[in-house]
Amino acid sequence: MVKRALLCVVLVAFGAALLQAETFSVAAGTTIHFHLYQTLSTELHFQNDRFTATVTEPLLVGGKQIIPVGSTLDGHIAWLIRPGRIRGAGEMRLDAEKVTFPDGRSFTLNAILVNAYGAEGVKVVGDEGSLKGPTSRLKDLEEIGLGMGGGGFLGTVFGGFHGAVIGGAIGGAGALADTLRRRGKDLTLPTGTQLNYQLTRELTVSADAPRQTAATAHVTTETIR
């Protein structure tokens, strides 16, 4: 009887040790690499729109793969600003929510965007990992300069020096008015843009975490519809 009780204790301890051995912690500050699954743009999307991305490089801890390639990042657009007629750059912030493994296990992800590659003229700025698009300010100045130069040339031809001054002012004003009429270039993240997120809190990955099944996903989709 005593031997049987001792055997039970050993088995329970062994099981607990095995479970603990299958639980891993990923330290805050670790970077996870994703590729954007769809195109995002300040022209076509709105605040709170959803987005997904996929893990492109396995995350290893102590030589063991913790987050496999093919895992999915789910998040949403926390806020965005379209480029205006004076403000020439679009802005967007992509907040991460959770990462789901290919086997269905899902974990809350506390992370901030630190880098983005593959989107022309886009860079990550600020402490919250916001994205800032290309600015049209230099192009606008060039167009105003061309307008002033063209107006000044015509003014010189028809009215000498005074005509050049008046023509330049009219040409510059016309170019400025046209520039203010148009928005700047929208911020666009094409499909495949690399997004690097850095953990702001420790991520605990457990082998016995609940798994989302295809049936559950189907029910969820039907409920949303």
Protein backbone atom coordinates (compact mmCIF):
# COMPACT_ATOMS: atom_id res chain seq x y z
CA MET A 1 0.00 0.00 0.00
CA VAL A 2 2.80 2.36 0.94
CA LYS A 3 4.69 1.46 -2.23
CA ARG A 4 1.61 2.16 -4.33
CA ALA A 5 1.16 5.55 -2.68
CA LEU A 6 4.81 6.39 -3.27
CA LEU A 7 4.45 5.34 -6.90
CA CYS A 8 1.46 7.66 -7.33
CA VAL A 9 3.41 10.54 -5.80
CA VAL A 10 6.34 9.91 -8.15
CA LEU A 11 4.06 9.75 -11.19
CA VAL A 12 2.30 13.00 -10.25
CA ALA A 13 5.65 14.72 -9.70
CA PHE A 14 6.95 13.37 -13.00
CA GLY A 15 3.84 14.59 -14.81
CA ALA A 16 4.13 18.05 -13.27
CA ALA A 17 7.80 18.23 -14.21
CA LEU A 18 7.00 17.15 -17.74
CA LEU A 19 4.28 19.79 -18.04
CA GLN A 20 6.61 22.44 -16.68
CA ALA A 21 9.29 21.34 -19.14
CA GLU A 22 6.81 22.00 -21.95
CA THR A 23 6.17 25.56 -20.83
CA PHE A 24 8.54 28.20 -22.21
CA SER A 25 9.00 31.90 -21.56
CA VAL A 26 10.03 34.36 -24.24
CA ALA A 27 11.65 37.42 -22.66
CA ALA A 28 10.42 40.98 -23.14
CA GLY A 29 12.55 42.71 -25.77
CA THR A 30 12.54 39.69 -28.09
CA THR A 31 11.78 40.53 -31.74
CA ILE A 32 9.38 38.45 -33.85
CA HIS A 33 9.38 38.78 -37.65
CA PHE A 34 6.13 38.81 -39.65
CA HIS A 35 5.03 39.36 -43.25
CA LEU A 36 1.83 41.31 -43.82
CA TYR A 37 -0.91 39.11 -45.25
CA GLN A 38 -2.79 41.89 -47.08
CA THR A 39 -2.31 45.44 -48.32
CA LEU A 40 -3.10 48.25 -45.86
CA SER A 41 -3.57 51.88 -46.88
CA THR A 42 -4.70 55.15 -45.31
CA GLU A 43 -6.81 55.63 -48.45
CA LEU A 44 -8.76 52.36 -48.24
CA HIS A 45 -8.81 51.43 -44.55
CA PHE A 46 -10.21 52.86 -41.33
CA GLN A 47 -9.56 52.83 -37.59
CA ASN A 48 -10.30 49.43 -35.98
CA ASP A 49 -9.99 47.51 -39.28
CA ARG A 50 -8.42 44.08 -38.74
CA PHE A 51 -5.14 42.85 -40.21
CA THR A 52 -3.15 39.60 -40.19
CA ALA A 53 0.50 38.72 -40.71
CA THR A 54 2.47 35.47 -40.72
CA VAL A 55 5.68 34.50 -38.92
CA THR A 56 8.57 34.29 -41.41
CA GLU A 57 11.39 33.17 -39.09
CA PRO A 58 11.07 30.57 -36.31
CA LEU A 59 11.65 31.91 -32.81
CA LEU A 60 14.11 29.74 -30.87
CA VAL A 61 14.71 29.64 -27.12
CA GLY A 62 17.60 27.52 -25.92
CA GLY A 63 17.81 25.87 -29.34
CA LYS A 64 14.14 24.81 -29.24
CA GLN A 65 11.58 26.20 -31.66
CA ILE A 66 8.95 28.08 -29.66
CA ILE A 67 7.06 30.03 -32.34
CA PRO A 68 7.06 28.17 -35.68
CA VAL A 69 6.94 29.63 -39.18
CA GLY A 70 3.35 29.93 -40.35
CA SER A 71 2.03 31.20 -37.03
CA THR A 72 -0.46 34.05 -37.47
CA LEU A 73 -0.46 37.50 -35.93
CA ASP A 74 -3.89 39.08 -35.44
CA GLY A 75 -4.20 42.80 -34.82
CA HIS A 76 -6.10 45.95 -35.66
CA ILE A 77 -5.47 49.49 -36.90
CA ALA A 78 -5.46 51.49 -33.67
CA TRP A 79 -5.66 54.78 -35.54
CA LEU A 80 -4.74 56.38 -38.85
CA ILE A 81 -4.50 59.82 -40.40
CA ARG A 82 -4.77 60.51 -44.11
CA PRO A 83 -2.27 62.98 -45.58
CA GLY A 84 -3.91 66.39 -45.85
CA ARG A 85 -3.46 69.34 -48.16
CA ILE A 86 -1.08 71.02 -45.72
CA ARG A 87 0.02 67.95 -43.70
CA GLY A 88 1.73 65.90 -46.38
CA ALA A 89 2.24 62.50 -44.69
CA GLY A 90 -0.18 59.73 -43.73
CA GLU A 91 0.18 57.92 -40.40
CA MET A 92 -1.02 54.59 -39.02
CA ARG A 93 -0.53 52.44 -35.92
CA LEU A 94 -0.88 48.66 -36.04
CA ASP A 95 -1.55 47.11 -32.64
CA ALA A 96 -0.79 43.40 -32.13
CA GLU A 97 -3.32 41.30 -30.20
CA LYS A 98 -2.48 37.61 -30.35
CA VAL A 99 -0.37 35.00 -32.14
CA THR A 100 -1.93 31.70 -33.21
CA PHE A 101 0.18 28.62 -33.93
CA PRO A 102 -0.50 26.24 -36.84
CA ASP A 103 -1.76 23.65 -34.30
CA GLY A 104 -4.45 26.10 -33.08
CA ARG A 105 -2.84 27.28 -29.82
CA SER A 106 -3.34 31.01 -29.30
CA PHE A 107 -1.48 33.44 -27.00
CA THR A 108 -1.98 37.12 -26.17
CA LEU A 109 0.83 39.19 -27.65
CA ASN A 110 2.02 42.37 -25.93
CA ALA A 111 4.33 43.86 -28.51
CA ILE A 112 5.19 47.09 -30.30
CA LEU A 113 6.18 47.59 -33.94
CA VAL A 114 9.86 48.55 -34.23
CA ASN A 115 10.64 48.12 -37.95
CA ALA A 116 8.84 47.89 -41.30
CA TYR A 117 10.54 46.92 -44.58
CA GLY A 118 9.20 46.73 -48.12
CA ALA A 119 6.92 49.79 -48.13
CA GLU A 120 8.30 52.75 -50.09
CA GLY A 121 9.00 55.82 -47.98
CA VAL A 122 7.42 54.34 -44.83
CA LYS A 123 9.21 54.43 -41.47
CA VAL A 124 8.41 53.62 -37.84
CA VAL A 125 8.38 56.64 -35.52
CA GLY A 126 7.60 57.44 -31.88
CA ASP A 127 7.44 55.38 -28.71
CA GLU A 128 4.21 53.63 -29.74
CA GLY A 129 5.57 52.23 -33.01
CA SER A 130 3.53 54.37 -35.39
CA LEU A 131 4.07 54.23 -39.14
CA LYS A 132 4.66 57.43 -41.10
CA GLY A 133 4.29 57.54 -44.87
CA PRO A 134 6.24 59.49 -47.49
CA THR A 135 5.89 63.27 -47.44
CA SER A 136 5.07 65.30 -50.55
CA ARG A 137 6.50 68.53 -49.13
CA LEU A 138 9.61 68.59 -51.34
CA LYS A 139 7.58 67.85 -54.45
CA ASP A 140 5.14 70.62 -53.53
CA LEU A 141 7.98 73.12 -53.15
CA GLU A 142 9.38 72.07 -56.52
CA GLU A 143 6.01 72.63 -58.19
CA ILE A 144 5.64 76.06 -56.57
CA GLY A 145 9.16 76.96 -57.71
CA LEU A 146 8.39 75.87 -61.27
CA GLY A 147 5.20 77.93 -61.22
CA MET A 148 7.07 81.01 -60.06
CA GLY A 149 9.80 80.46 -62.65
CA GLY A 150 7.35 80.00 -65.49
CA GLY A 151 5.30 83.03 -64.48
CA GLY A 152 8.41 85.13 -64.08
CA PHE A 153 9.69 84.16 -67.54
CA LEU A 154 6.43 85.09 -69.23
CA GLY A 155 6.32 88.32 -67.23
CA THR A 156 9.83 89.23 -68.43
CA VAL A 157 8.90 88.61 -72.05
CA PHE A 158 5.83 90.82 -71.92
CA GLY A 159 6.60 93.35 -69.20
CA GLY A 160 10.29 93.42 -68.33
CA PHE A 161 11.43 93.39 -64.71
CA HIS A 162 8.11 94.46 -63.20
CA GLY A 163 6.33 91.95 -65.35
CA ALA A 164 8.70 89.24 -64.13
CA VAL A 165 7.91 90.06 -60.49
CA ILE A 166 4.17 90.07 -61.08
CA GLY A 167 4.29 87.00 -63.29
CA GLY A 168 6.38 85.10 -60.75
CA ALA A 169 3.95 85.96 -57.96
CA ILE A 170 0.95 84.90 -60.04
CA GLY A 171 2.64 81.68 -61.16
CA GLY A 172 3.70 80.81 -57.61
CA ALA A 173 0.23 81.55 -56.23
CA GLY A 174 -1.36 79.37 -58.89
CA ALA A 175 1.00 76.47 -58.12
CA LEU A 176 0.38 76.89 -54.38
CA ALA A 177 -3.38 76.83 -54.88
CA ASP A 178 -3.11 73.67 -56.96
CA THR A 179 -0.89 72.05 -54.32
CA LEU A 180 -3.33 72.86 -51.52
CA ARG A 181 -6.15 71.38 -53.58
CA ARG A 182 -4.52 67.93 -53.67
CA ARG A 183 -3.84 65.51 -50.81
CA GLY A 184 -0.37 64.14 -50.19
CA LYS A 185 0.60 60.58 -51.04
CA ASP A 186 -1.24 57.97 -48.95
CA LEU A 187 0.66 55.59 -46.69
CA THR A 188 0.51 52.12 -48.25
CA LEU A 189 1.84 48.82 -46.87
CA PRO A 190 1.76 46.24 -49.69
CA THR A 191 1.20 42.54 -49.13
CA GLY A 192 4.45 40.98 -47.95
CA THR A 193 5.70 44.04 -46.04
CA GLN A 194 7.95 42.84 -43.22
CA LEU A 195 6.78 43.91 -39.78
CA ASN A 196 9.09 43.36 -36.82
CA TYR A 197 7.39 43.40 -33.42
CA GLN A 198 9.24 43.58 -30.11
CA LEU A 199 7.69 42.02 -27.01
CA THR A 200 6.89 44.53 -24.27
CA ARG A 201 5.97 41.76 -21.81
CA GLU A 202 7.17 38.21 -21.31
CA LEU A 203 5.32 35.69 -23.50
CA THR A 204 4.57 32.31 -21.89
CA VAL A 205 4.04 29.46 -24.36
CA SER A 206 2.45 26.31 -22.96
CA ALA A 207 2.04 22.96 -24.70
CA ASP A 208 -1.36 22.41 -23.07
CA ALA A 209 -2.87 25.75 -24.13
CA PRO A 210 -6.40 25.56 -25.60
CA ARG A 211 -6.52 24.96 -29.33
CA GLN A 212 -8.87 26.65 -31.73
CA THR A 213 -10.45 24.08 -34.03
CA ALA A 214 -11.72 24.56 -37.56
CA ALA A 215 -15.28 24.04 -36.25
CA THR A 216 -14.82 26.82 -33.68
CA ALA A 217 -13.45 29.17 -36.32
CA HIS A 218 -16.45 28.37 -38.55
CA VAL A 219 -18.94 29.08 -35.77
CA THR A 220 -17.18 32.35 -34.96
CA THR A 221 -17.29 33.42 -38.59
CA GLU A 222 -20.98 32.58 -38.87
CA THR A 223 -21.73 34.51 -35.67
CA ILE A 224 -19.95 37.62 -36.98
CA ARG A 225 -21.91 37.44 -40.21
